[in-house]
Amino acid sequence: MTQGREAEVRHLASGPTPGEKPREFLEDVTVLCKGNASLVLERCREVLSRVLSHDESLWPSDREWPRLLPSWFVAECGPELTKRQAKHEMKRSRRLSREEMIREEARARWSVLSWIYWFMPEERSWWWWDAAVLEPNVLRITIEVEGSPYTAGALEWLLRASGASEVKRL
């Protein structure tokens, strides 16, 4: 883990303290919004604060997460797939070109459990560092990463579910 849980919770609420340095690398994510950048940021903070409020050693069960997360977020998520559906979807996606896969991923609705999986301690590859509304249509999220490449699909889904129209990793 790059930063401690307390530091990430603090960063989520108010950003880094003056002069605070990251332990690893910082990456900026540009988030395009439809005039609702403040709301997108508020919603991201609401969801992540609920996830980060749970001790990693007492991680809630799969059945508990839909109740613990904000109802609007759960409503934005897609349905949980059965093993058979997931297998079928995997086969289908293997037939797609890279460009088709990228387009489909940008439109895909993650299920709650697919999303929360990436917050399990051993799966984390990014941590919230800071955020700023640059203008009503643009939000900048800064995350701490251990290196590149890193897995940020869960962040991208959180942003889209929160109302972002496009997410650009720089």
C-alpha atoms as a PDB file:
ATOM      1  CA  MET A   1       0.000   0.000   0.000  1.00  0.00           C
ATOM      2  CA  THR A   2       1.410   3.330  -1.006  1.00  0.00           C
ATOM      3  CA  GLN A   3      -0.166   5.575   1.605  1.00  0.00           C
ATOM      4  CA  GLY A   4      -1.902   4.788   4.864  1.00  0.00           C
ATOM      5  CA  ARG A   5      -5.687   4.597   5.060  1.00  0.00           C
ATOM      6  CA  GLU A   6      -5.842   7.655   7.348  1.00  0.00           C
ATOM      7  CA  ALA A   7      -3.822   9.689   4.848  1.00  0.00           C
ATOM      8  CA  GLU A   8      -6.075   8.625   1.969  1.00  0.00           C
ATOM      9  CA  VAL A   9      -9.206   9.534   3.947  1.00  0.00           C
ATOM     10  CA  ARG A  10      -7.653  12.931   4.712  1.00  0.00           C
ATOM     11  CA  HIS A  11      -6.681  13.410   1.062  1.00  0.00           C
ATOM     12  CA  LEU A  12     -10.217  12.517   0.013  1.00  0.00           C
ATOM     13  CA  ALA A  13     -11.698  15.128   2.348  1.00  0.00           C
ATOM     14  CA  SER A  14      -9.210  17.962   1.986  1.00  0.00           C
ATOM     15  CA  GLY A  15      -6.213  17.015  -0.169  1.00  0.00           C
ATOM     16  CA  PRO A  16      -2.596  16.771   0.941  1.00  0.00           C
ATOM     17  CA  THR A  17      -1.219  19.019   3.650  1.00  0.00           C
ATOM     18  CA  PRO A  18       1.086  21.863   2.549  1.00  0.00           C
ATOM     19  CA  GLY A  19       4.487  20.392   1.691  1.00  0.00           C
ATOM     20  CA  GLU A  20       3.283  16.791   1.886  1.00  0.00           C
ATOM     21  CA  LYS A  21       5.086  14.586  -0.620  1.00  0.00           C
ATOM     22  CA  PRO A  22       3.765  11.373  -2.144  1.00  0.00           C
ATOM     23  CA  ARG A  23       5.628   8.148  -1.465  1.00  0.00           C
ATOM     24  CA  GLU A  24       5.346   7.108  -5.096  1.00  0.00           C
ATOM     25  CA  PHE A  25       4.172   8.749  -8.344  1.00  0.00           C
ATOM     26  CA  LEU A  26       1.290  11.124  -8.962  1.00  0.00           C
ATOM     27  CA  GLU A  27      -0.970  10.885 -12.000  1.00  0.00           C
ATOM     28  CA  ASP A  28      -3.564  13.428 -13.081  1.00  0.00           C
ATOM     29  CA  VAL A  29      -6.894  12.303 -14.474  1.00  0.00           C
ATOM     30  CA  THR A  30      -8.931  14.860 -16.417  1.00  0.00           C
ATOM     31  CA  VAL A  31     -12.650  14.398 -16.017  1.00  0.00           C
ATOM     32  CA  LEU A  32     -15.039  16.031 -18.462  1.00  0.00           C
ATOM     33  CA  CYS A  33     -18.474  16.821 -17.081  1.00  0.00           C
ATOM     34  CA  LYS A  34     -21.716  18.340 -18.297  1.00  0.00           C
ATOM     35  CA  GLY A  35     -21.576  21.420 -16.091  1.00  0.00           C
ATOM     36  CA  ASN A  36     -21.714  19.228 -12.966  1.00  0.00           C
ATOM     37  CA  ALA A  37     -18.048  18.852 -11.989  1.00  0.00           C
ATOM     38  CA  SER A  38     -18.740  19.824  -8.363  1.00  0.00           C
ATOM     39  CA  LEU A  39     -21.473  17.193  -8.089  1.00  0.00           C
ATOM     40  CA  VAL A  40     -19.264  14.523  -9.680  1.00  0.00           C
ATOM     41  CA  LEU A  41     -16.527  15.267  -7.131  1.00  0.00           C
ATOM     42  CA  GLU A  42     -19.008  15.281  -4.234  1.00  0.00           C
ATOM     43  CA  ARG A  43     -20.412  11.911  -5.318  1.00  0.00           C
ATOM     44  CA  CYS A  44     -16.944  10.354  -5.732  1.00  0.00           C
ATOM     45  CA  ARG A  45     -16.028  11.480  -2.243  1.00  0.00           C
ATOM     46  CA  GLU A  46     -19.282  10.072  -0.858  1.00  0.00           C
ATOM     47  CA  VAL A  47     -18.694   6.621  -2.361  1.00  0.00           C
ATOM     48  CA  LEU A  48     -14.995   6.411  -1.526  1.00  0.00           C
ATOM     49  CA  SER A  49     -15.513   7.609   2.043  1.00  0.00           C
ATOM     50  CA  ARG A  50     -17.904   4.690   2.569  1.00  0.00           C
ATOM     51  CA  VAL A  51     -15.393   2.212   1.135  1.00  0.00           C
ATOM     52  CA  LEU A  52     -12.468   3.639   3.084  1.00  0.00           C
ATOM     53  CA  SER A  53     -14.438   3.664   6.343  1.00  0.00           C
ATOM     54  CA  HIS A  54     -14.175  -0.130   6.484  1.00  0.00           C
ATOM     55  CA  ASP A  55     -11.152  -1.698   8.075  1.00  0.00           C
ATOM     56  CA  GLU A  56      -9.298  -3.881   5.595  1.00  0.00           C
ATOM     57  CA  SER A  57      -9.140  -6.727   8.122  1.00  0.00           C
ATOM     58  CA  LEU A  58     -12.944  -6.607   8.619  1.00  0.00           C
ATOM     59  CA  TRP A  59     -13.898  -6.289   4.958  1.00  0.00           C
ATOM     60  CA  PRO A  60     -17.684  -6.501   4.441  1.00  0.00           C
ATOM     61  CA  SER A  61     -19.138  -9.511   2.671  1.00  0.00           C
ATOM     62  CA  ASP A  62     -20.342  -9.406  -0.927  1.00  0.00           C
ATOM     63  CA  ARG A  63     -23.921  -9.343   0.341  1.00  0.00           C
ATOM     64  CA  GLU A  64     -23.274  -6.286   2.527  1.00  0.00           C
ATOM     65  CA  TRP A  65     -21.723  -3.950  -0.049  1.00  0.00           C
ATOM     66  CA  PRO A  66     -24.921  -2.984  -1.924  1.00  0.00           C
ATOM     67  CA  ARG A  67     -26.388  -1.801   1.407  1.00  0.00           C
ATOM     68  CA  LEU A  68     -23.244   0.047   2.463  1.00  0.00           C
ATOM     69  CA  LEU A  69     -22.751   2.080  -0.702  1.00  0.00           C
ATOM     70  CA  PRO A  70     -24.952   5.045  -1.660  1.00  0.00           C
ATOM     71  CA  SER A  71     -28.184   3.906  -3.305  1.00  0.00           C
ATOM     72  CA  TRP A  72     -27.655   6.186  -6.320  1.00  0.00           C
ATOM     73  CA  PHE A  73     -24.275   4.486  -6.973  1.00  0.00           C
ATOM     74  CA  VAL A  74     -25.730   0.992  -6.645  1.00  0.00           C
ATOM     75  CA  ALA A  75     -28.521   2.014  -9.066  1.00  0.00           C
ATOM     76  CA  GLU A  76     -25.915   3.157 -11.634  1.00  0.00           C
ATOM     77  CA  CYS A  77     -24.083  -0.173 -11.440  1.00  0.00           C
ATOM     78  CA  GLY A  78     -24.906  -3.044 -13.753  1.00  0.00           C
ATOM     79  CA  PRO A  79     -26.292  -6.377 -12.601  1.00  0.00           C
ATOM     80  CA  GLU A  80     -24.105  -9.089 -11.138  1.00  0.00           C
ATOM     81  CA  LEU A  81     -23.401 -11.765 -13.741  1.00  0.00           C
ATOM     82  CA  THR A  82     -23.802 -15.446 -13.119  1.00  0.00           C
ATOM     83  CA  LYS A  83     -20.750 -17.608 -13.817  1.00  0.00           C
ATOM     84  CA  ARG A  84     -22.380 -18.738 -17.045  1.00  0.00           C
ATOM     85  CA  GLN A  85     -23.083 -15.159 -18.146  1.00  0.00           C
ATOM     86  CA  ALA A  86     -19.550 -14.095 -17.261  1.00  0.00           C
ATOM     87  CA  LYS A  87     -18.080 -16.978 -19.275  1.00  0.00           C
ATOM     88  CA  HIS A  88     -20.249 -16.082 -22.270  1.00  0.00           C
ATOM     89  CA  GLU A  89     -19.265 -12.410 -21.973  1.00  0.00           C
ATOM     90  CA  MET A  90     -15.568 -13.343 -21.797  1.00  0.00           C
ATOM     91  CA  LYS A  91     -15.831 -15.415 -24.986  1.00  0.00           C
ATOM     92  CA  ARG A  92     -17.684 -12.625 -26.756  1.00  0.00           C
ATOM     93  CA  SER A  93     -15.174  -9.968 -25.727  1.00  0.00           C
ATOM     94  CA  ARG A  94     -12.247 -12.049 -27.024  1.00  0.00           C
ATOM     95  CA  ARG A  95     -13.689 -11.681 -30.522  1.00  0.00           C
ATOM     96  CA  LEU A  96     -13.650  -7.891 -30.363  1.00  0.00           C
ATOM     97  CA  SER A  97     -10.907  -5.769 -31.878  1.00  0.00           C
ATOM     98  CA  ARG A  98      -8.855  -3.618 -29.520  1.00  0.00           C
ATOM     99  CA  GLU A  99     -10.757  -0.498 -30.626  1.00  0.00           C
ATOM    100  CA  GLU A 100     -14.120  -2.215 -30.068  1.00  0.00           C
ATOM    101  CA  MET A 101     -12.973  -3.341 -26.620  1.00  0.00           C
ATOM    102  CA  ILE A 102     -11.939   0.197 -25.664  1.00  0.00           C
ATOM    103  CA  ARG A 103     -15.267   1.634 -26.860  1.00  0.00           C
ATOM    104  CA  GLU A 104     -17.224  -1.043 -25.045  1.00  0.00           C
ATOM    105  CA  GLU A 105     -15.257  -0.586 -21.825  1.00  0.00           C
ATOM    106  CA  ALA A 106     -15.993   3.155 -21.901  1.00  0.00           C
ATOM    107  CA  ARG A 107     -19.741   2.369 -21.969  1.00  0.00           C
ATOM    108  CA  ALA A 108     -19.797  -0.671 -19.694  1.00  0.00           C
ATOM    109  CA  ARG A 109     -21.650  -0.511 -16.388  1.00  0.00           C
ATOM    110  CA  TRP A 110     -19.660  -2.289 -13.677  1.00  0.00           C
ATOM    111  CA  SER A 111     -21.487  -4.375 -11.114  1.00  0.00           C
ATOM    112  CA  VAL A 112     -21.057  -3.460  -7.444  1.00  0.00           C
ATOM    113  CA  LEU A 113     -18.970  -6.560  -6.725  1.00  0.00           C
ATOM    114  CA  SER A 114     -16.799  -6.155  -9.833  1.00  0.00           C
ATOM    115  CA  TRP A 115     -16.097  -2.601  -8.720  1.00  0.00           C
ATOM    116  CA  ILE A 116     -15.496  -3.223  -5.012  1.00  0.00           C
ATOM    117  CA  TYR A 117     -13.077  -6.076  -5.829  1.00  0.00           C
ATOM    118  CA  TRP A 118     -10.490  -3.473  -6.903  1.00  0.00           C
ATOM    119  CA  PHE A 119     -10.536  -1.926  -3.403  1.00  0.00           C
ATOM    120  CA  MET A 120      -9.437  -5.087  -1.658  1.00  0.00           C
ATOM    121  CA  PRO A 121      -6.006  -4.346  -0.183  1.00  0.00           C
ATOM    122  CA  GLU A 122      -4.116  -6.757  -2.446  1.00  0.00           C
ATOM    123  CA  GLU A 123      -5.774  -5.358  -5.595  1.00  0.00           C
ATOM    124  CA  ARG A 124      -5.238  -1.636  -5.043  1.00  0.00           C
ATOM    125  CA  SER A 125      -3.038   0.115  -7.605  1.00  0.00           C
ATOM    126  CA  TRP A 126      -4.070   3.752  -7.051  1.00  0.00           C
ATOM    127  CA  TRP A 127      -4.887   5.922  -4.051  1.00  0.00           C
ATOM    128  CA  TRP A 128      -6.720   9.272  -3.909  1.00  0.00           C
ATOM    129  CA  TRP A 129      -4.334  12.202  -3.516  1.00  0.00           C
ATOM    130  CA  ASP A 130      -6.219  15.378  -4.465  1.00  0.00           C
ATOM    131  CA  ALA A 131      -8.980  16.822  -6.628  1.00  0.00           C
ATOM    132  CA  ALA A 132     -10.034  20.198  -7.950  1.00  0.00           C
ATOM    133  CA  VAL A 133     -12.913  21.549  -9.965  1.00  0.00           C
ATOM    134  CA  LEU A 134     -11.133  23.541 -12.674  1.00  0.00           C
ATOM    135  CA  GLU A 135     -14.363  24.782 -14.227  1.00  0.00           C
ATOM    136  CA  PRO A 136     -17.978  23.552 -14.278  1.00  0.00           C
ATOM    137  CA  ASN A 137     -17.151  21.134 -17.100  1.00  0.00           C
ATOM    138  CA  VAL A 138     -13.712  19.979 -15.939  1.00  0.00           C
ATOM    139  CA  LEU A 139     -12.532  18.171 -12.846  1.00  0.00           C
ATOM    140  CA  ARG A 140      -8.950  17.105 -12.145  1.00  0.00           C
ATOM    141  CA  ILE A 141      -8.339  14.088  -9.934  1.00  0.00           C
ATOM    142  CA  THR A 142      -4.790  13.359  -8.794  1.00  0.00           C
ATOM    143  CA  ILE A 143      -4.021   9.829  -7.708  1.00  0.00           C
ATOM    144  CA  GLU A 144      -0.942   8.211  -6.266  1.00  0.00           C
ATOM    145  CA  VAL A 145       0.243   5.133  -8.132  1.00  0.00           C
ATOM    146  CA  GLU A 146       3.093   2.704  -7.544  1.00  0.00           C
ATOM    147  CA  GLY A 147       4.102   2.834 -11.189  1.00  0.00           C
ATOM    148  CA  SER A 148       2.851   2.514 -14.709  1.00  0.00           C
ATOM    149  CA  PRO A 149       0.867   0.803 -16.009  1.00  0.00           C
ATOM    150  CA  TYR A 150      -1.723   0.779 -13.252  1.00  0.00           C
ATOM    151  CA  THR A 151      -5.297  -0.446 -13.166  1.00  0.00           C
ATOM    152  CA  ALA A 152      -7.705   2.490 -13.003  1.00  0.00           C
ATOM    153  CA  GLY A 153     -10.904   1.009 -14.408  1.00  0.00           C
ATOM    154  CA  ALA A 154     -12.565   1.195 -10.973  1.00  0.00           C
ATOM    155  CA  LEU A 155     -11.756   4.916 -10.753  1.00  0.00           C
ATOM    156  CA  GLU A 156     -13.063   5.494 -14.264  1.00  0.00           C
ATOM    157  CA  TRP A 157     -16.315   3.666 -13.461  1.00  0.00           C
ATOM    158  CA  LEU A 158     -16.723   5.626 -10.221  1.00  0.00           C
ATOM    159  CA  LEU A 159     -16.328   8.886 -12.152  1.00  0.00           C
ATOM    160  CA  ARG A 160     -18.775   7.857 -14.900  1.00  0.00           C
ATOM    161  CA  ALA A 161     -21.313   6.542 -12.366  1.00  0.00           C
ATOM    162  CA  SER A 162     -20.972   9.860 -10.524  1.00  0.00           C
ATOM    163  CA  GLY A 163     -21.976  11.778 -13.656  1.00  0.00           C
ATOM    164  CA  ALA A 164     -18.775  12.356 -15.651  1.00  0.00           C
ATOM    165  CA  SER A 165     -19.137  12.248 -19.409  1.00  0.00           C
ATOM    166  CA  GLU A 166     -15.522  11.351 -20.220  1.00  0.00           C
ATOM    167  CA  VAL A 167     -12.377  10.373 -18.338  1.00  0.00           C
ATOM    168  CA  LYS A 168      -8.911  11.065 -19.764  1.00  0.00           C
ATOM    169  CA  ARG A 169      -5.835   9.565 -18.176  1.00  0.00           C
ATOM    170  CA  LEU A 170      -2.772  11.601 -19.081  1.00  0.00           C
END
